[in-house]
Amino acid sequence: MNINHILILIDQSFSMIKYKNEVLYSFENFIKENYEKYSEKKIPVSVVLFNDNIKTYKYNSISDVILFDENTYCPYGNTFLFDMLYKILDIYSHENNNLCLIITDGYNNNNNNVITKKKICNKLDRLSEVNKWTFKFYGSLPNNFKNNNNVYKDLTHKFK
């Protein structure tokens, strides 16, 4: 499959502090696993950190990606998980054939979500089926995002 864009969405809310090392490992491991496959193709990469805010780092290719470390990945704030994921995915929803890694513990620290679980699941389904996106999850996301019979089973790395 031809990939047009690599998206890496990383939960940076306070609940992720206990998974900090696993997040850094997961991010680095994903880059290493995909480096040989995509480095020559100059596929753009967007790394998006989210909590109650969004910060995006854009790179021209996977070979340009700068990894986070203990000093640059600093979890803080709340997670409006469904709202933020929906907002981020919506930015790129016009694109086809994206590879999207989502790293999160799956905790939603906001009880006042505008976006429901069903709505984010429908968004994931549409991007998978219509836009031909491939999703990978590190953490506990697939257990939290079940929609009808569709479970995002490609849980590459589960947090302990």
N, C-alpha and C. Protein backbone atom coordinates (compact mmCIF):
# COMPACT_ATOMS: atom_id res chain seq x y z
N MET A 1 0.84 -1.19 0.00
CA MET A 1 0.00 0.00 0.00
C MET A 1 0.88 1.24 0.00
N ASN A 2 0.50 2.21 -0.78
CA ASN A 2 1.20 3.49 -0.81
C ASN A 2 0.69 4.37 0.32
N ILE A 3 1.60 4.83 1.13
CA ILE A 3 1.26 5.72 2.24
C ILE A 3 1.55 7.15 1.80
N ASN A 4 0.60 8.05 2.04
CA ASN A 4 0.77 9.46 1.66
C ASN A 4 1.24 10.35 2.79
N HIS A 5 0.97 9.94 4.04
CA HIS A 5 1.29 10.79 5.19
C HIS A 5 1.36 9.87 6.40
N ILE A 6 2.32 10.10 7.25
CA ILE A 6 2.42 9.36 8.51
C ILE A 6 2.05 10.32 9.63
N LEU A 7 1.05 9.93 10.42
CA LEU A 7 0.60 10.73 11.56
C LEU A 7 0.91 9.96 12.84
N ILE A 8 1.51 10.65 13.79
CA ILE A 8 1.79 10.05 15.09
C ILE A 8 1.14 10.94 16.13
N LEU A 9 0.09 10.44 16.77
CA LEU A 9 -0.67 11.21 17.75
C LEU A 9 -0.33 10.69 19.13
N ILE A 10 0.22 11.56 19.97
CA ILE A 10 0.73 11.15 21.28
C ILE A 10 0.01 11.92 22.39
N ASP A 11 -0.64 11.17 23.25
CA ASP A 11 -1.30 11.72 24.43
C ASP A 11 -0.23 12.24 25.38
N GLN A 12 -0.33 13.51 25.73
CA GLN A 12 0.65 14.12 26.64
C GLN A 12 -0.04 14.63 27.90
N SER A 13 -1.16 14.04 28.26
CA SER A 13 -1.86 14.47 29.47
C SER A 13 -1.17 13.90 30.70
N PHE A 14 -1.52 14.43 31.86
CA PHE A 14 -0.87 14.08 33.11
C PHE A 14 -0.96 12.58 33.41
N SER A 15 -2.04 11.92 33.00
CA SER A 15 -2.18 10.49 33.29
C SER A 15 -1.11 9.66 32.58
N MET A 16 -0.43 10.25 31.58
CA MET A 16 0.60 9.53 30.83
C MET A 16 1.96 9.53 31.54
N ILE A 17 2.07 10.26 32.65
CA ILE A 17 3.36 10.37 33.33
C ILE A 17 3.90 9.01 33.75
N LYS A 18 3.02 8.12 34.16
CA LYS A 18 3.48 6.79 34.59
C LYS A 18 3.90 5.92 33.40
N TYR A 19 3.54 6.34 32.19
CA TYR A 19 3.91 5.60 30.98
C TYR A 19 4.98 6.33 30.16
N LYS A 20 5.59 7.33 30.74
CA LYS A 20 6.53 8.18 30.01
C LYS A 20 7.59 7.37 29.26
N ASN A 21 8.24 6.45 29.94
CA ASN A 21 9.28 5.65 29.29
C ASN A 21 8.71 4.78 28.17
N GLU A 22 7.52 4.24 28.38
CA GLU A 22 6.90 3.42 27.35
C GLU A 22 6.49 4.25 26.14
N VAL A 23 6.08 5.49 26.37
CA VAL A 23 5.74 6.38 25.25
C VAL A 23 7.00 6.65 24.43
N LEU A 24 8.08 7.00 25.11
CA LEU A 24 9.33 7.28 24.41
C LEU A 24 9.81 6.05 23.63
N TYR A 25 9.71 4.87 24.25
CA TYR A 25 10.09 3.63 23.59
C TYR A 25 9.19 3.36 22.38
N SER A 26 7.89 3.51 22.56
CA SER A 26 6.93 3.24 21.49
C SER A 26 7.15 4.15 20.29
N PHE A 27 7.37 5.42 20.55
CA PHE A 27 7.61 6.40 19.50
C PHE A 27 8.90 6.05 18.74
N GLU A 28 9.97 5.82 19.48
CA GLU A 28 11.25 5.48 18.85
C GLU A 28 11.14 4.17 18.07
N ASN A 29 10.49 3.18 18.65
CA ASN A 29 10.34 1.88 18.02
C ASN A 29 9.54 1.99 16.71
N PHE A 30 8.48 2.78 16.71
CA PHE A 30 7.68 2.97 15.50
C PHE A 30 8.53 3.61 14.40
N ILE A 31 9.31 4.62 14.75
CA ILE A 31 10.18 5.27 13.77
C ILE A 31 11.19 4.26 13.21
N LYS A 32 11.82 3.50 14.10
CA LYS A 32 12.80 2.50 13.65
C LYS A 32 12.16 1.45 12.75
N GLU A 33 10.99 0.96 13.14
CA GLU A 33 10.30 -0.08 12.36
C GLU A 33 9.93 0.40 10.96
N ASN A 34 9.65 1.66 10.83
CA ASN A 34 9.17 2.19 9.55
C ASN A 34 10.22 2.97 8.77
N TYR A 35 11.37 3.16 9.35
CA TYR A 35 12.41 3.98 8.73
C TYR A 35 12.83 3.44 7.37
N GLU A 36 13.21 2.19 7.34
CA GLU A 36 13.70 1.60 6.09
C GLU A 36 12.61 1.60 5.01
N LYS A 37 11.42 1.35 5.43
CA LYS A 37 10.30 1.25 4.49
C LYS A 37 9.96 2.60 3.85
N TYR A 38 10.06 3.70 4.62
CA TYR A 38 9.56 4.99 4.15
C TYR A 38 10.60 6.09 4.01
N SER A 39 11.82 5.90 4.47
CA SER A 39 12.79 7.01 4.45
C SER A 39 13.14 7.48 3.05
N GLU A 40 13.18 6.59 2.10
CA GLU A 40 13.53 6.97 0.72
C GLU A 40 12.37 7.66 0.00
N LYS A 41 11.17 7.46 0.48
CA LYS A 41 9.98 7.92 -0.24
C LYS A 41 9.58 9.36 0.07
N LYS A 42 10.24 9.97 1.00
CA LYS A 42 9.94 11.38 1.36
C LYS A 42 8.46 11.60 1.67
N ILE A 43 7.92 10.72 2.48
CA ILE A 43 6.53 10.85 2.92
C ILE A 43 6.50 11.78 4.13
N PRO A 44 5.65 12.80 4.11
CA PRO A 44 5.61 13.72 5.25
C PRO A 44 5.15 13.02 6.53
N VAL A 45 5.68 13.50 7.64
CA VAL A 45 5.34 12.97 8.96
C VAL A 45 4.88 14.13 9.83
N SER A 46 3.76 13.93 10.50
CA SER A 46 3.28 14.91 11.48
C SER A 46 3.20 14.21 12.83
N VAL A 47 3.88 14.79 13.81
CA VAL A 47 3.84 14.28 15.18
C VAL A 47 3.00 15.28 15.98
N VAL A 48 1.91 14.78 16.57
CA VAL A 48 0.98 15.67 17.26
C VAL A 48 0.89 15.26 18.73
N LEU A 49 1.29 16.17 19.61
CA LEU A 49 1.12 15.98 21.05
C LEU A 49 -0.20 16.61 21.45
N PHE A 50 -0.97 15.89 22.29
CA PHE A 50 -2.25 16.46 22.70
C PHE A 50 -2.53 16.17 24.17
N ASN A 51 -3.20 17.11 24.78
CA ASN A 51 -3.81 17.00 26.11
C ASN A 51 -5.03 17.90 26.02
N ASP A 52 -5.07 19.00 26.75
CA ASP A 52 -6.15 19.96 26.51
C ASP A 52 -5.71 21.00 25.48
N ASN A 53 -4.52 20.79 24.89
CA ASN A 53 -3.99 21.60 23.79
C ASN A 53 -3.41 20.65 22.73
N ILE A 54 -3.09 21.21 21.59
CA ILE A 54 -2.48 20.44 20.50
C ILE A 54 -1.20 21.14 20.06
N LYS A 55 -0.12 20.38 19.92
CA LYS A 55 1.14 20.90 19.39
C LYS A 55 1.59 19.94 18.29
N THR A 56 1.84 20.49 17.10
CA THR A 56 2.19 19.67 15.94
C THR A 56 3.61 19.97 15.47
N TYR A 57 4.35 18.89 15.21
CA TYR A 57 5.68 18.97 14.63
C TYR A 57 5.59 18.34 13.24
N LYS A 58 5.99 19.09 12.22
CA LYS A 58 5.89 18.59 10.84
C LYS A 58 7.29 18.35 10.28
N TYR A 59 7.43 17.21 9.62
CA TYR A 59 8.70 16.81 9.03
C TYR A 59 8.47 16.42 7.57
N ASN A 60 9.49 16.62 6.75
CA ASN A 60 9.39 16.27 5.33
C ASN A 60 9.44 14.77 5.09
N SER A 61 10.10 14.05 5.98
CA SER A 61 10.17 12.59 5.85
C SER A 61 10.47 11.98 7.21
N ILE A 62 10.35 10.68 7.28
CA ILE A 62 10.60 9.97 8.54
C ILE A 62 12.06 10.11 8.97
N SER A 63 12.95 10.31 8.01
CA SER A 63 14.37 10.47 8.35
C SER A 63 14.66 11.82 9.03
N ASP A 64 13.73 12.75 8.95
CA ASP A 64 13.89 14.06 9.59
C ASP A 64 13.33 14.13 11.01
N VAL A 65 12.57 13.12 11.41
CA VAL A 65 11.87 13.16 12.70
C VAL A 65 12.87 13.22 13.85
N ILE A 66 12.63 14.14 14.75
CA ILE A 66 13.43 14.28 15.96
C ILE A 66 12.67 13.58 17.09
N LEU A 67 13.32 12.61 17.69
CA LEU A 67 12.70 11.84 18.78
C LEU A 67 12.61 12.67 20.04
N PHE A 68 11.60 12.39 20.84
CA PHE A 68 11.47 13.02 22.14
C PHE A 68 12.35 12.28 23.13
N ASP A 69 12.67 12.97 24.23
CA ASP A 69 13.40 12.34 25.32
C ASP A 69 12.74 12.75 26.63
N GLU A 70 13.37 12.39 27.73
CA GLU A 70 12.81 12.69 29.06
C GLU A 70 12.56 14.18 29.28
N ASN A 71 13.32 15.03 28.60
CA ASN A 71 13.18 16.47 28.77
C ASN A 71 12.19 17.11 27.80
N THR A 72 11.93 16.45 26.69
CA THR A 72 11.05 17.06 25.68
C THR A 72 9.64 16.47 25.67
N TYR A 73 9.45 15.30 26.29
CA TYR A 73 8.10 14.75 26.45
C TYR A 73 7.75 14.87 27.92
N CYS A 74 6.92 15.86 28.23
CA CYS A 74 6.57 16.17 29.62
C CYS A 74 5.06 16.20 29.79
N PRO A 75 4.45 15.09 30.20
CA PRO A 75 3.00 15.04 30.36
C PRO A 75 2.49 16.05 31.39
N TYR A 76 1.38 16.70 31.03
CA TYR A 76 0.72 17.66 31.92
C TYR A 76 -0.70 17.89 31.39
N GLY A 77 -1.54 18.46 32.20
CA GLY A 77 -2.88 18.85 31.77
C GLY A 77 -3.85 17.68 31.71
N ASN A 78 -5.05 18.00 31.26
CA ASN A 78 -6.13 17.02 31.14
C ASN A 78 -6.20 16.47 29.73
N THR A 79 -6.92 15.37 29.59
CA THR A 79 -7.17 14.80 28.27
C THR A 79 -8.65 14.93 27.96
N PHE A 80 -8.94 15.63 26.92
CA PHE A 80 -10.28 15.63 26.36
C PHE A 80 -10.17 14.64 25.20
N LEU A 81 -10.00 13.36 25.53
CA LEU A 81 -9.54 12.35 24.59
C LEU A 81 -10.35 12.32 23.31
N PHE A 82 -11.65 12.11 23.40
CA PHE A 82 -12.48 12.00 22.19
C PHE A 82 -12.48 13.31 21.42
N ASP A 83 -12.62 14.42 22.14
CA ASP A 83 -12.67 15.72 21.49
C ASP A 83 -11.37 16.02 20.75
N MET A 84 -10.25 15.79 21.40
CA MET A 84 -8.95 16.10 20.79
C MET A 84 -8.64 15.18 19.63
N LEU A 85 -8.86 13.88 19.80
CA LEU A 85 -8.61 12.95 18.69
C LEU A 85 -9.48 13.29 17.49
N TYR A 86 -10.73 13.59 17.74
CA TYR A 86 -11.63 13.94 16.64
C TYR A 86 -11.14 15.19 15.92
N LYS A 87 -10.75 16.19 16.70
CA LYS A 87 -10.26 17.46 16.13
C LYS A 87 -9.01 17.23 15.28
N ILE A 88 -8.08 16.44 15.80
CA ILE A 88 -6.84 16.16 15.07
C ILE A 88 -7.14 15.37 13.80
N LEU A 89 -7.91 14.31 13.92
CA LEU A 89 -8.24 13.48 12.75
C LEU A 89 -9.00 14.28 11.70
N ASP A 90 -9.84 15.20 12.15
CA ASP A 90 -10.61 16.02 11.23
C ASP A 90 -9.70 16.91 10.37
N ILE A 91 -8.61 17.37 10.93
CA ILE A 91 -7.65 18.20 10.19
C ILE A 91 -7.12 17.46 8.97
N TYR A 92 -6.91 16.17 9.12
CA TYR A 92 -6.31 15.35 8.06
C TYR A 92 -7.32 14.48 7.31
N SER A 93 -8.60 14.61 7.62
CA SER A 93 -9.61 13.69 7.08
C SER A 93 -9.82 13.78 5.58
N HIS A 94 -9.32 14.82 4.95
CA HIS A 94 -9.43 14.94 3.49
C HIS A 94 -8.36 14.09 2.78
N GLU A 95 -7.40 13.57 3.54
CA GLU A 95 -6.30 12.80 2.98
C GLU A 95 -6.65 11.32 2.90
N ASN A 96 -6.01 10.63 1.97
CA ASN A 96 -6.19 9.19 1.79
C ASN A 96 -4.89 8.46 2.05
N ASN A 97 -5.00 7.19 2.39
CA ASN A 97 -3.84 6.30 2.54
C ASN A 97 -2.83 6.78 3.57
N ASN A 98 -3.30 7.21 4.72
CA ASN A 98 -2.41 7.63 5.80
C ASN A 98 -2.14 6.47 6.73
N LEU A 99 -0.96 6.48 7.32
CA LEU A 99 -0.61 5.57 8.40
C LEU A 99 -0.66 6.39 9.68
N CYS A 100 -1.49 5.97 10.62
CA CYS A 100 -1.71 6.75 11.84
C CYS A 100 -1.43 5.90 13.07
N LEU A 101 -0.44 6.33 13.86
CA LEU A 101 -0.14 5.72 15.14
C LEU A 101 -0.76 6.59 16.22
N ILE A 102 -1.49 5.96 17.14
CA ILE A 102 -2.06 6.68 18.28
C ILE A 102 -1.49 6.05 19.55
N ILE A 103 -0.82 6.89 20.35
CA ILE A 103 -0.25 6.45 21.62
C ILE A 103 -1.03 7.13 22.74
N THR A 104 -1.74 6.33 23.54
CA THR A 104 -2.53 6.88 24.65
C THR A 104 -2.81 5.79 25.67
N ASP A 105 -3.10 6.21 26.89
CA ASP A 105 -3.53 5.26 27.91
C ASP A 105 -5.04 5.07 27.84
N GLY A 106 -5.71 5.85 27.01
CA GLY A 106 -7.15 5.71 26.83
C GLY A 106 -7.99 6.41 27.86
N TYR A 107 -7.35 7.10 28.81
CA TYR A 107 -8.12 7.79 29.84
C TYR A 107 -8.64 9.12 29.33
N ASN A 108 -9.88 9.38 29.62
CA ASN A 108 -10.51 10.64 29.27
C ASN A 108 -10.78 11.38 30.57
N ASN A 109 -10.08 12.48 30.79
CA ASN A 109 -10.22 13.22 32.04
C ASN A 109 -11.29 14.29 31.99
N ASN A 110 -12.13 14.24 30.98
CA ASN A 110 -13.16 15.26 30.82
C ASN A 110 -14.51 14.58 30.68
N ASN A 111 -15.40 14.90 31.59
CA ASN A 111 -16.74 14.33 31.54
C ASN A 111 -17.69 15.14 30.66
N ASN A 112 -17.22 16.26 30.13
CA ASN A 112 -18.06 17.14 29.33
C ASN A 112 -17.69 17.09 27.85
N ASN A 113 -17.39 15.90 27.35
CA ASN A 113 -17.01 15.76 25.95
C ASN A 113 -18.10 16.27 25.03
N VAL A 114 -17.69 16.99 24.02
CA VAL A 114 -18.61 17.36 22.95
C VAL A 114 -18.73 16.17 22.00
N ILE A 115 -17.61 15.48 21.79
CA ILE A 115 -17.56 14.32 20.90
C ILE A 115 -17.80 13.06 21.74
N THR A 116 -18.71 12.25 21.30
CA THR A 116 -19.01 11.01 22.01
C THR A 116 -18.10 9.88 21.53
N LYS A 117 -18.07 8.83 22.31
CA LYS A 117 -17.32 7.63 21.94
C LYS A 117 -17.81 7.11 20.58
N LYS A 118 -19.10 7.08 20.39
CA LYS A 118 -19.66 6.59 19.13
C LYS A 118 -19.20 7.45 17.95
N LYS A 119 -19.16 8.75 18.14
CA LYS A 119 -18.76 9.64 17.05
C LYS A 119 -17.29 9.46 16.68
N ILE A 120 -16.41 9.29 17.66
CA ILE A 120 -14.99 9.08 17.33
C ILE A 120 -14.80 7.71 16.69
N CYS A 121 -15.54 6.72 17.14
CA CYS A 121 -15.46 5.39 16.52
C CYS A 121 -15.93 5.44 15.07
N ASN A 122 -16.99 6.18 14.82
CA ASN A 122 -17.46 6.33 13.44
C ASN A 122 -16.43 7.04 12.58
N LYS A 123 -15.73 8.02 13.15
CA LYS A 123 -14.67 8.73 12.42
C LYS A 123 -13.54 7.77 12.08
N LEU A 124 -13.12 6.96 13.05
CA LEU A 124 -12.06 5.98 12.80
C LEU A 124 -12.49 4.97 11.73
N ASP A 125 -13.73 4.51 11.82
CA ASP A 125 -14.25 3.57 10.83
C ASP A 125 -14.24 4.18 9.43
N ARG A 126 -14.72 5.41 9.31
CA ARG A 126 -14.79 6.07 8.00
C ARG A 126 -13.40 6.27 7.41
N LEU A 127 -12.47 6.73 8.25
CA LEU A 127 -11.11 6.93 7.75
C LEU A 127 -10.48 5.60 7.32
N SER A 128 -10.77 4.53 8.04
CA SER A 128 -10.25 3.21 7.68
C SER A 128 -10.87 2.70 6.38
N GLU A 129 -12.18 2.77 6.31
CA GLU A 129 -12.89 2.15 5.20
C GLU A 129 -12.92 3.01 3.94
N VAL A 130 -13.21 4.28 4.09
CA VAL A 130 -13.37 5.16 2.92
C VAL A 130 -12.04 5.76 2.49
N ASN A 131 -11.28 6.28 3.44
CA ASN A 131 -10.03 6.96 3.11
C ASN A 131 -8.82 6.02 3.13
N LYS A 132 -9.06 4.75 3.45
CA LYS A 132 -8.01 3.72 3.42
C LYS A 132 -6.84 4.01 4.35
N TRP A 133 -7.16 4.55 5.54
CA TRP A 133 -6.12 4.78 6.54
C TRP A 133 -5.80 3.46 7.24
N THR A 134 -4.57 3.35 7.71
CA THR A 134 -4.15 2.24 8.56
C THR A 134 -3.86 2.80 9.93
N PHE A 135 -4.51 2.23 10.94
CA PHE A 135 -4.30 2.68 12.32
C PHE A 135 -3.50 1.66 13.09
N LYS A 136 -2.58 2.15 13.91
CA LYS A 136 -1.85 1.34 14.87
C LYS A 136 -2.00 2.02 16.22
N PHE A 137 -2.10 1.22 17.26
CA PHE A 137 -2.30 1.74 18.60
C PHE A 137 -1.24 1.21 19.54
N TYR A 138 -0.67 2.08 20.33
CA TYR A 138 0.21 1.69 21.42
C TYR A 138 -0.48 2.19 22.69
N GLY A 139 -0.66 1.32 23.64
CA GLY A 139 -1.33 1.70 24.88
C GLY A 139 -2.55 0.85 25.09
N SER A 140 -3.68 1.49 25.38
CA SER A 140 -4.89 0.74 25.66
C SER A 140 -6.08 1.17 24.81
N LEU A 141 -5.84 1.92 23.77
CA LEU A 141 -6.91 2.50 22.98
C LEU A 141 -7.93 1.51 22.41
N PRO A 142 -7.52 0.40 21.81
CA PRO A 142 -8.53 -0.46 21.19
C PRO A 142 -9.59 -0.96 22.16
N ASN A 143 -9.22 -1.17 23.42
CA ASN A 143 -10.21 -1.61 24.40
C ASN A 143 -11.23 -0.52 24.68
N ASN A 144 -10.87 0.71 24.47
CA ASN A 144 -11.77 1.83 24.74
C ASN A 144 -12.57 2.26 23.52
N PHE A 145 -12.12 1.90 22.33
CA PHE A 145 -12.80 2.34 21.12
C PHE A 145 -13.36 1.15 20.35
N LYS A 146 -14.42 0.57 20.86
CA LYS A 146 -15.11 -0.51 20.17
C LYS A 146 -16.36 0.10 19.55
N ASN A 147 -16.59 -0.22 18.32
CA ASN A 147 -17.75 0.31 17.61
C ASN A 147 -18.42 -0.86 16.91
N ASN A 148 -19.61 -1.20 17.36
CA ASN A 148 -20.32 -2.37 16.84
C ASN A 148 -19.40 -3.58 16.95
N ASN A 149 -19.11 -4.26 15.86
CA ASN A 149 -18.21 -5.41 15.90
C ASN A 149 -16.80 -5.03 15.52
N ASN A 150 -16.57 -3.78 15.20
CA ASN A 150 -15.25 -3.37 14.74
C ASN A 150 -14.40 -2.95 15.93
N VAL A 151 -13.37 -3.72 16.19
CA VAL A 151 -12.42 -3.38 17.24
C VAL A 151 -11.08 -3.16 16.55
N TYR A 152 -10.41 -2.10 16.89
CA TYR A 152 -9.11 -1.83 16.31
C TYR A 152 -8.10 -2.73 17.01
N LYS A 153 -7.85 -3.88 16.41
CA LYS A 153 -7.09 -4.94 17.05
C LYS A 153 -5.59 -4.81 16.87
N ASP A 154 -5.13 -3.92 16.04
CA ASP A 154 -3.71 -3.84 15.78
C ASP A 154 -3.00 -3.13 16.92
N LEU A 155 -3.11 -3.71 18.10
CA LEU A 155 -2.45 -3.16 19.29
C LEU A 155 -1.03 -3.68 19.29
N THR A 156 -0.15 -2.87 18.80
CA THR A 156 1.23 -3.28 18.59
C THR A 156 1.99 -3.38 19.90
N HIS A 157 1.68 -2.53 20.84
CA HIS A 157 2.39 -2.51 22.12
C HIS A 157 1.40 -2.08 23.19
N LYS A 158 1.23 -2.91 24.19
CA LYS A 158 0.31 -2.59 25.26
C LYS A 158 1.08 -2.12 26.48
N PHE A 159 0.63 -1.01 27.06
CA PHE A 159 1.26 -0.52 28.29
C PHE A 159 1.02 -1.52 29.41
N LYS A 160 2.00 -1.68 30.27
CA LYS A 160 1.89 -2.61 31.40
C LYS A 160 1.20 -1.97 32.56
